[in-house]
């Protein structure tokens, strides 16, 4: 039985690559399947000077590019609105508050608000502070914030970022997500392992010699040179998506299917990863960059020739490596991981 949801979804960074390629097609899919019915409104914010109608047409194009034969798309677009937003200006949040209140009344949203930060983590603290100070989180319904990776550059910066966000939102109101976990193939790993009495007894070093995980992409960096130069494949893919897959494949049976119990087992795996000494890194990992080539009979640029990329860049677009888990289940079994753009 579908649970119909009433909510105002505000997407910061709504004109970016993530929003057009992932978020709007996904929200449209939920809308099309009847999860929202008519009690939903979506505000897209960004620096671009767009009217709501111009924004709707861009979203319409992005949905058509991702979904074959979309139905009732114009009905969905009726629920989309746009506001130009400078996340550093308090005045922008006051305007956003007024628009939010108007839409809450128009669409009967019961004061439920969800804020999705599809933008650089550098702005997470600024946005969440302003959301609270402006009164946007002061609602009768539920208030939630969703953030994606990368979450800081290291442990210290991640802790600082976490503390900033928790000044404005309670822990249970914060969703730190990895969109790879929403992929059907990834969700099926749990079912394959723990719901199958044939596989689970064999899922160990007595019967498995190695595990290989490959995430290959035909796309390049898609006009995200500024972001990718500060990230690279290690931060963009390895320390989040690939390690999530490693932990799902390697974790012990959780005591229940509740999120806290699953997370506990995944953390145990990550804590069991063997640390590499500096001299061992070159023996276990390799980095690379894509060069000029031909895909689907079209010439594509080398990474160093992409817009906003340093011509002398050493940022990796490909990573392959061997990692090991030091516990009784996986001792002696190498996990080979690889990921790259333009593969």
Protein backbone atom coordinates (compact mmCIF):
# COMPACT_ATOMS: atom_id res chain seq x y z
CA UNK A 1 0.00 0.00 0.00
CA UNK A 2 1.41 3.38 -1.07
CA UNK A 3 1.89 6.00 1.61
CA UNK A 4 0.90 9.35 0.16
CA UNK A 5 3.18 12.16 1.22
CA UNK A 6 2.47 15.86 1.63
CA UNK A 7 5.63 17.96 1.47
CA UNK A 8 7.33 21.05 0.20
CA UNK A 9 10.67 20.02 -1.29
CA UNK A 10 13.21 22.82 -1.65
CA UNK A 11 16.27 21.96 -3.73
CA UNK A 12 19.31 24.18 -3.34
CA UNK A 13 21.45 23.91 -6.47
CA UNK A 14 18.45 22.98 -8.60
CA UNK A 15 20.09 24.04 -11.87
CA UNK A 16 23.11 21.79 -11.40
CA UNK A 17 24.04 18.49 -13.03
CA UNK A 18 22.94 16.37 -10.05
CA UNK A 19 19.46 17.88 -10.03
CA UNK A 20 18.80 17.57 -13.74
CA UNK A 21 20.27 14.08 -14.20
CA UNK A 22 19.17 12.46 -10.93
CA UNK A 23 16.82 14.39 -8.65
CA UNK A 24 14.06 15.63 -10.94
CA UNK A 25 13.70 12.37 -12.91
CA UNK A 26 13.56 10.47 -9.58
CA UNK A 27 10.96 12.79 -8.01
CA UNK A 28 8.95 12.63 -11.22
CA UNK A 29 9.03 8.82 -11.05
CA UNK A 30 7.60 8.92 -7.51
CA UNK A 31 4.96 11.40 -8.63
CA UNK A 32 4.03 9.22 -11.60
CA UNK A 33 3.65 6.17 -9.34
CA UNK A 34 1.20 8.03 -7.11
CA UNK A 35 3.30 8.59 -3.99
CA UNK A 36 2.66 12.32 -3.93
CA UNK A 37 -0.70 12.70 -5.66
CA UNK A 38 -1.40 16.43 -5.54
CA UNK A 39 0.01 17.35 -2.11
CA UNK A 40 3.49 18.29 -3.20
CA UNK A 41 5.30 21.42 -4.29
CA UNK A 42 8.93 21.73 -5.33
CA UNK A 43 10.99 24.91 -5.19
CA UNK A 44 14.21 24.94 -7.16
CA UNK A 45 16.76 27.55 -6.15
CA UNK A 46 19.95 28.63 -7.86
CA UNK A 47 22.03 31.58 -8.99
CA UNK A 48 20.67 31.48 -12.56
CA UNK A 49 18.22 34.18 -13.59
CA UNK A 50 15.24 32.07 -14.61
CA UNK A 51 11.50 32.43 -14.55
CA UNK A 52 9.46 29.55 -13.16
CA UNK A 53 8.31 28.72 -16.70
CA UNK A 54 11.89 28.62 -18.02
CA UNK A 55 12.86 26.40 -15.12
CA UNK A 56 9.95 24.05 -15.80
CA UNK A 57 11.03 23.66 -19.42
CA UNK A 58 14.57 22.78 -18.39
CA UNK A 59 13.27 20.18 -15.96
CA UNK A 60 10.93 18.83 -18.64
CA UNK A 61 13.88 18.37 -21.00
CA UNK A 62 15.93 16.63 -18.30
CA UNK A 63 13.09 14.19 -17.58
CA UNK A 64 12.63 13.39 -21.28
CA UNK A 65 16.37 12.75 -21.58
CA UNK A 66 16.29 10.24 -18.70
CA UNK A 67 12.88 8.57 -18.97
CA UNK A 68 11.28 6.97 -22.00
CA UNK A 69 7.70 8.01 -22.75
CA UNK A 70 6.99 10.09 -19.62
CA UNK A 71 3.29 10.46 -18.79
CA UNK A 72 1.46 13.42 -17.22
CA UNK A 73 4.66 15.46 -17.27
CA UNK A 74 2.84 18.79 -17.55
CA UNK A 75 0.80 17.93 -14.46
CA UNK A 76 4.06 17.31 -12.60
CA UNK A 77 5.54 20.59 -13.83
CA UNK A 78 2.55 22.42 -12.34
CA UNK A 79 4.06 21.64 -8.92
CA UNK A 80 7.49 23.16 -9.75
CA UNK A 81 8.57 26.71 -8.92
CA UNK A 82 11.83 28.60 -9.15
CA UNK A 83 13.51 31.27 -7.06
CA UNK A 84 16.86 32.84 -7.69
CA UNK A 85 18.83 32.39 -4.48
CA UNK A 86 22.09 33.71 -3.10
CA UNK A 87 22.74 31.41 -0.15
CA UNK A 88 24.81 34.09 1.58
CA UNK A 89 22.08 36.75 1.56
CA UNK A 90 19.49 36.78 4.33
CA UNK A 91 17.05 38.61 2.07
CA UNK A 92 16.91 35.58 -0.24
CA UNK A 93 15.71 33.40 2.63
CA UNK A 94 13.00 35.88 3.53
CA UNK A 95 11.72 35.67 -0.04
CA UNK A 96 11.98 31.89 0.10
CA UNK A 97 9.98 31.86 3.34
CA UNK A 98 7.17 33.87 1.74
CA UNK A 99 7.04 31.58 -1.29
CA UNK A 100 7.09 28.51 0.97
CA UNK A 101 4.18 29.79 3.05
CA UNK A 102 2.16 30.57 -0.09
CA UNK A 103 2.76 27.09 -1.57
CA UNK A 104 2.03 25.39 1.75
CA UNK A 105 -1.42 26.94 1.71
CA UNK A 106 -2.04 26.45 -2.02
CA UNK A 107 -1.14 22.74 -2.07
CA UNK A 108 -2.22 21.85 1.50
CA UNK A 109 1.24 20.61 2.48
CA UNK A 110 0.57 20.45 6.24
CA UNK A 111 3.78 22.31 7.08
CA UNK A 112 6.10 19.46 6.02
CA UNK A 113 9.37 20.70 4.55
CA UNK A 114 12.30 18.85 3.06
CA UNK A 115 15.50 20.68 2.12
CA UNK A 116 17.85 18.99 -0.35
CA UNK A 117 21.33 20.52 -0.60
CA UNK A 118 22.55 19.58 -4.08
CA UNK A 119 25.57 21.86 -3.84
CA UNK A 120 29.11 22.17 -2.55
CA UNK A 121 29.55 21.11 1.11
CA UNK A 122 31.23 24.48 1.67
CA UNK A 123 27.73 25.96 1.78
CA UNK A 124 26.03 23.34 4.00
CA UNK A 125 26.66 25.22 7.24
CA UNK A 126 25.69 28.58 5.73
CA UNK A 127 22.44 27.25 4.30
CA UNK A 128 21.32 25.34 7.40
CA UNK A 129 22.08 28.31 9.68
CA UNK A 130 20.06 30.64 7.46
CA UNK A 131 17.19 28.17 7.20
CA UNK A 132 16.84 28.22 10.97
CA UNK A 133 17.41 31.97 11.42
CA UNK A 134 14.84 32.85 8.73
CA UNK A 135 12.14 30.66 10.27
CA UNK A 136 11.95 28.25 7.34
CA UNK A 137 12.40 25.27 9.68
CA UNK A 138 9.84 26.55 12.19
CA UNK A 139 6.91 24.48 10.92
CA UNK A 140 3.93 22.59 12.29
CA UNK A 141 4.86 19.47 10.34
CA UNK A 142 8.21 17.71 9.94
CA UNK A 143 11.43 19.37 8.86
CA UNK A 144 14.22 17.39 7.18
CA UNK A 145 17.52 18.19 5.50
CA UNK A 146 19.22 15.88 2.99
CA UNK A 147 22.91 16.17 2.18
CA UNK A 148 25.12 14.18 -0.16
CA UNK A 149 28.82 13.55 -0.42
CA UNK A 150 31.50 14.76 -0.39
CA UNK A 151 31.15 15.43 3.32
CA UNK A 152 34.33 17.27 4.23
CA UNK A 153 37.90 16.62 3.09
CA UNK A 154 39.01 14.64 6.14
CA UNK A 155 37.80 13.65 9.61
CA UNK A 156 38.42 17.10 11.11
CA UNK A 157 36.54 19.00 8.39
CA UNK A 158 33.72 16.41 8.43
CA UNK A 159 33.29 16.85 12.20
CA UNK A 160 33.23 20.62 11.80
CA UNK A 161 30.61 20.36 9.05
CA UNK A 162 28.55 17.97 11.13
CA UNK A 163 28.58 20.34 14.11
CA UNK A 164 27.46 23.24 11.90
CA UNK A 165 24.46 21.33 10.57
CA UNK A 166 23.44 20.03 14.00
CA UNK A 167 23.11 23.59 15.29
CA UNK A 168 20.05 23.93 13.06
CA UNK A 169 18.69 20.39 12.76
CA UNK A 170 18.31 17.54 15.23
CA UNK A 171 20.16 14.33 14.46
CA UNK A 172 16.95 12.51 13.50
CA UNK A 173 16.15 15.32 11.05
CA UNK A 174 19.43 14.95 9.12
CA UNK A 175 19.74 12.49 6.23
CA UNK A 176 23.29 11.95 4.99
CA UNK A 177 22.71 9.90 1.90
CA UNK A 178 24.63 7.95 -0.68
CA UNK A 179 22.48 7.73 -3.80
CA UNK A 180 24.25 4.52 -4.87
CA UNK A 181 22.39 2.72 -2.09
CA UNK A 182 19.15 3.50 -3.90
CA UNK A 183 20.18 1.53 -6.97
CA UNK A 184 18.20 -1.68 -7.37
CA UNK A 185 21.34 -3.73 -7.94
CA UNK A 186 22.86 -2.52 -4.66
CA UNK A 187 19.63 -3.06 -2.72
CA UNK A 188 19.55 -6.63 -4.01
CA UNK A 189 22.89 -7.45 -2.35
CA UNK A 190 21.20 -7.80 1.04
CA UNK A 191 18.47 -10.02 -0.38
CA UNK A 192 21.00 -12.14 -2.25
CA UNK A 193 23.13 -12.66 0.85
CA UNK A 194 20.76 -12.90 3.77
CA UNK A 195 17.59 -14.13 2.09
CA UNK A 196 19.24 -17.03 0.30
CA UNK A 197 20.15 -20.12 2.34
CA UNK A 198 22.42 -21.39 -0.45
CA UNK A 199 24.71 -18.36 -0.66
CA UNK A 200 25.13 -17.25 2.94
CA UNK A 201 26.99 -20.39 4.20
CA UNK A 202 29.41 -20.04 1.26
CA UNK A 203 29.98 -16.29 1.68
CA UNK A 204 33.46 -16.47 3.26
CA UNK A 205 37.14 -17.12 2.65
CA UNK A 206 36.67 -20.88 2.51
CA UNK A 207 34.86 -20.63 -0.82
CA UNK A 208 35.66 -17.18 -2.26
CA UNK A 209 39.14 -16.40 -3.62
CA UNK A 210 38.54 -12.71 -4.41
CA UNK A 211 35.80 -10.13 -4.87
CA UNK A 212 35.86 -7.54 -7.67
CA UNK A 213 33.80 -4.37 -7.79
CA UNK A 214 33.81 -2.26 -10.96
CA UNK A 215 31.94 1.00 -11.45
CA UNK A 216 32.63 2.17 -14.98
CA UNK A 217 31.19 5.28 -16.59
CA UNK A 218 31.09 6.31 -20.24
CA UNK A 219 30.47 9.94 -19.22
CA UNK A 220 33.28 12.41 -18.63
CA UNK A 221 33.09 15.09 -15.96
CA UNK A 222 30.19 16.82 -17.75
CA UNK A 223 31.12 20.49 -17.22
CA UNK A 224 31.95 19.89 -13.55
CA UNK A 225 35.64 20.69 -13.88
CA UNK A 226 35.76 23.02 -10.89
CA UNK A 227 34.21 20.40 -8.61
CA UNK A 228 36.14 17.46 -10.01
CA UNK A 229 39.52 19.18 -9.71
CA UNK A 230 38.99 19.40 -5.95
CA UNK A 231 37.64 15.87 -5.71
CA UNK A 232 38.93 13.31 -8.17
CA UNK A 233 37.79 9.70 -8.39
CA UNK A 234 39.02 8.83 -4.89
CA UNK A 235 36.74 11.33 -3.17
CA UNK A 236 34.00 11.25 -5.79
CA UNK A 237 33.60 7.47 -5.89
CA UNK A 238 35.96 5.36 -3.75
CA UNK A 239 35.56 6.69 -0.20
CA UNK A 240 31.77 6.64 -0.47
CA UNK A 241 30.08 4.57 -3.18
CA UNK A 242 32.65 1.79 -3.53
CA UNK A 243 33.27 1.43 0.21
CA UNK A 244 29.52 1.23 0.73
CA UNK A 245 29.44 -1.70 -1.68
CA UNK A 246 32.42 -3.32 0.02
CA UNK A 247 30.71 -3.05 3.41
CA UNK A 248 27.43 -4.50 2.09
CA UNK A 249 29.24 -7.44 0.52
CA UNK A 250 31.47 -8.08 3.55
CA UNK A 251 29.35 -7.29 6.61
CA UNK A 252 28.06 -9.88 9.07
CA UNK A 253 24.36 -10.66 9.37
CA UNK A 254 22.77 -7.70 11.21
CA UNK A 255 20.64 -8.45 14.27
CA UNK A 256 17.69 -6.85 12.46
CA UNK A 257 16.91 -5.01 9.23
CA UNK A 258 16.71 -1.69 11.09
CA UNK A 259 19.03 1.02 9.79
CA UNK A 260 21.03 1.31 13.02
CA UNK A 261 21.81 -2.41 13.10
CA UNK A 262 22.82 -2.48 9.43
CA UNK A 263 25.03 0.58 9.89
CA UNK A 264 26.67 -1.01 12.93
CA UNK A 265 27.76 -4.05 10.88
CA UNK A 266 28.97 -1.89 8.00
CA UNK A 267 31.10 0.19 10.37
CA UNK A 268 32.65 -3.00 11.77
CA UNK A 269 33.79 -3.88 8.25
CA UNK A 270 35.31 -0.46 7.67
CA UNK A 271 37.16 -0.64 10.98
CA UNK A 272 38.60 -4.00 9.89
CA UNK A 273 40.13 -2.64 6.67
CA UNK A 274 43.88 -3.15 6.64
CA UNK A 275 45.82 0.11 6.74
CA UNK A 276 48.49 0.58 4.12
CA UNK A 277 51.94 1.94 4.83
CA UNK A 278 53.13 4.71 2.54
CA UNK A 279 55.44 2.41 0.61
CA UNK A 280 52.59 -0.11 0.11
CA UNK A 281 50.23 2.32 -1.63
CA UNK A 282 51.97 2.08 -5.03
CA UNK A 283 51.88 -1.72 -4.81
CA UNK A 284 48.14 -1.78 -4.14
CA UNK A 285 46.68 1.24 -5.98
CA UNK A 286 46.96 2.87 -9.38
CA UNK A 287 45.53 6.19 -10.57
CA UNK A 288 44.96 7.45 -14.11
CA UNK A 289 43.34 10.08 -16.30
CA UNK A 290 41.24 9.68 -19.41
CA UNK A 291 42.76 10.92 -22.65
CA UNK A 292 41.21 12.09 -25.90
CA UNK A 293 39.30 9.35 -27.67
CA UNK A 294 36.20 8.32 -29.60
CA UNK A 295 32.88 7.25 -28.05
CA UNK A 296 29.86 6.42 -30.26
CA UNK A 297 31.76 7.76 -33.28
CA UNK A 298 32.26 11.14 -31.60
CA UNK A 299 35.60 12.56 -30.48
CA UNK A 300 35.71 13.34 -26.77
CA UNK A 301 38.14 15.58 -24.93
CA UNK A 302 41.00 14.52 -22.72
CA UNK A 303 40.44 15.36 -19.06
CA UNK A 304 43.08 18.10 -19.13
CA UNK A 305 41.24 19.76 -22.05
CA UNK A 306 37.88 19.87 -20.25
CA UNK A 307 36.55 23.32 -19.19
CA UNK A 308 37.80 24.56 -15.78
CA UNK A 309 40.48 21.86 -15.56
CA UNK A 310 44.14 22.74 -15.04
CA UNK A 311 46.17 21.81 -18.12
CA UNK A 312 48.78 20.33 -15.77
CA UNK A 313 46.26 18.59 -13.53
CA UNK A 314 47.21 15.36 -11.78
CA UNK A 315 43.66 14.77 -10.52
CA UNK A 316 42.70 11.14 -11.08
CA UNK A 317 39.63 10.14 -13.12
CA UNK A 318 40.44 6.42 -12.73
CA UNK A 319 41.36 4.42 -9.63
CA UNK A 320 42.00 0.71 -9.21
CA UNK A 321 43.14 -0.90 -6.01
CA UNK A 322 43.33 -3.91 -3.75
CA UNK A 323 41.99 -3.72 -0.21
CA UNK A 324 41.89 -6.39 2.48
CA UNK A 325 39.64 -6.98 5.46
CA UNK A 326 41.31 -8.31 8.57
CA UNK A 327 38.64 -10.50 10.17
CA UNK A 328 37.84 -14.20 10.37
CA UNK A 329 35.35 -14.18 7.48
CA UNK A 330 37.54 -12.41 4.91
CA UNK A 331 41.15 -12.92 5.95
CA UNK A 332 43.22 -13.64 2.83
CA UNK A 333 40.51 -12.56 0.36
CA UNK A 334 41.48 -9.48 -1.67
CA UNK A 335 38.76 -7.01 -2.68
CA UNK A 336 39.63 -5.45 -6.04
CA UNK A 337 37.90 -2.14 -6.69
CA UNK A 338 38.04 0.01 -9.80
CA UNK A 339 36.17 3.04 -11.07
CA UNK A 340 36.65 5.60 -13.79
CA UNK A 341 35.18 8.13 -16.17
CA UNK A 342 35.18 7.56 -19.95
CA UNK A 343 35.60 3.79 -19.61
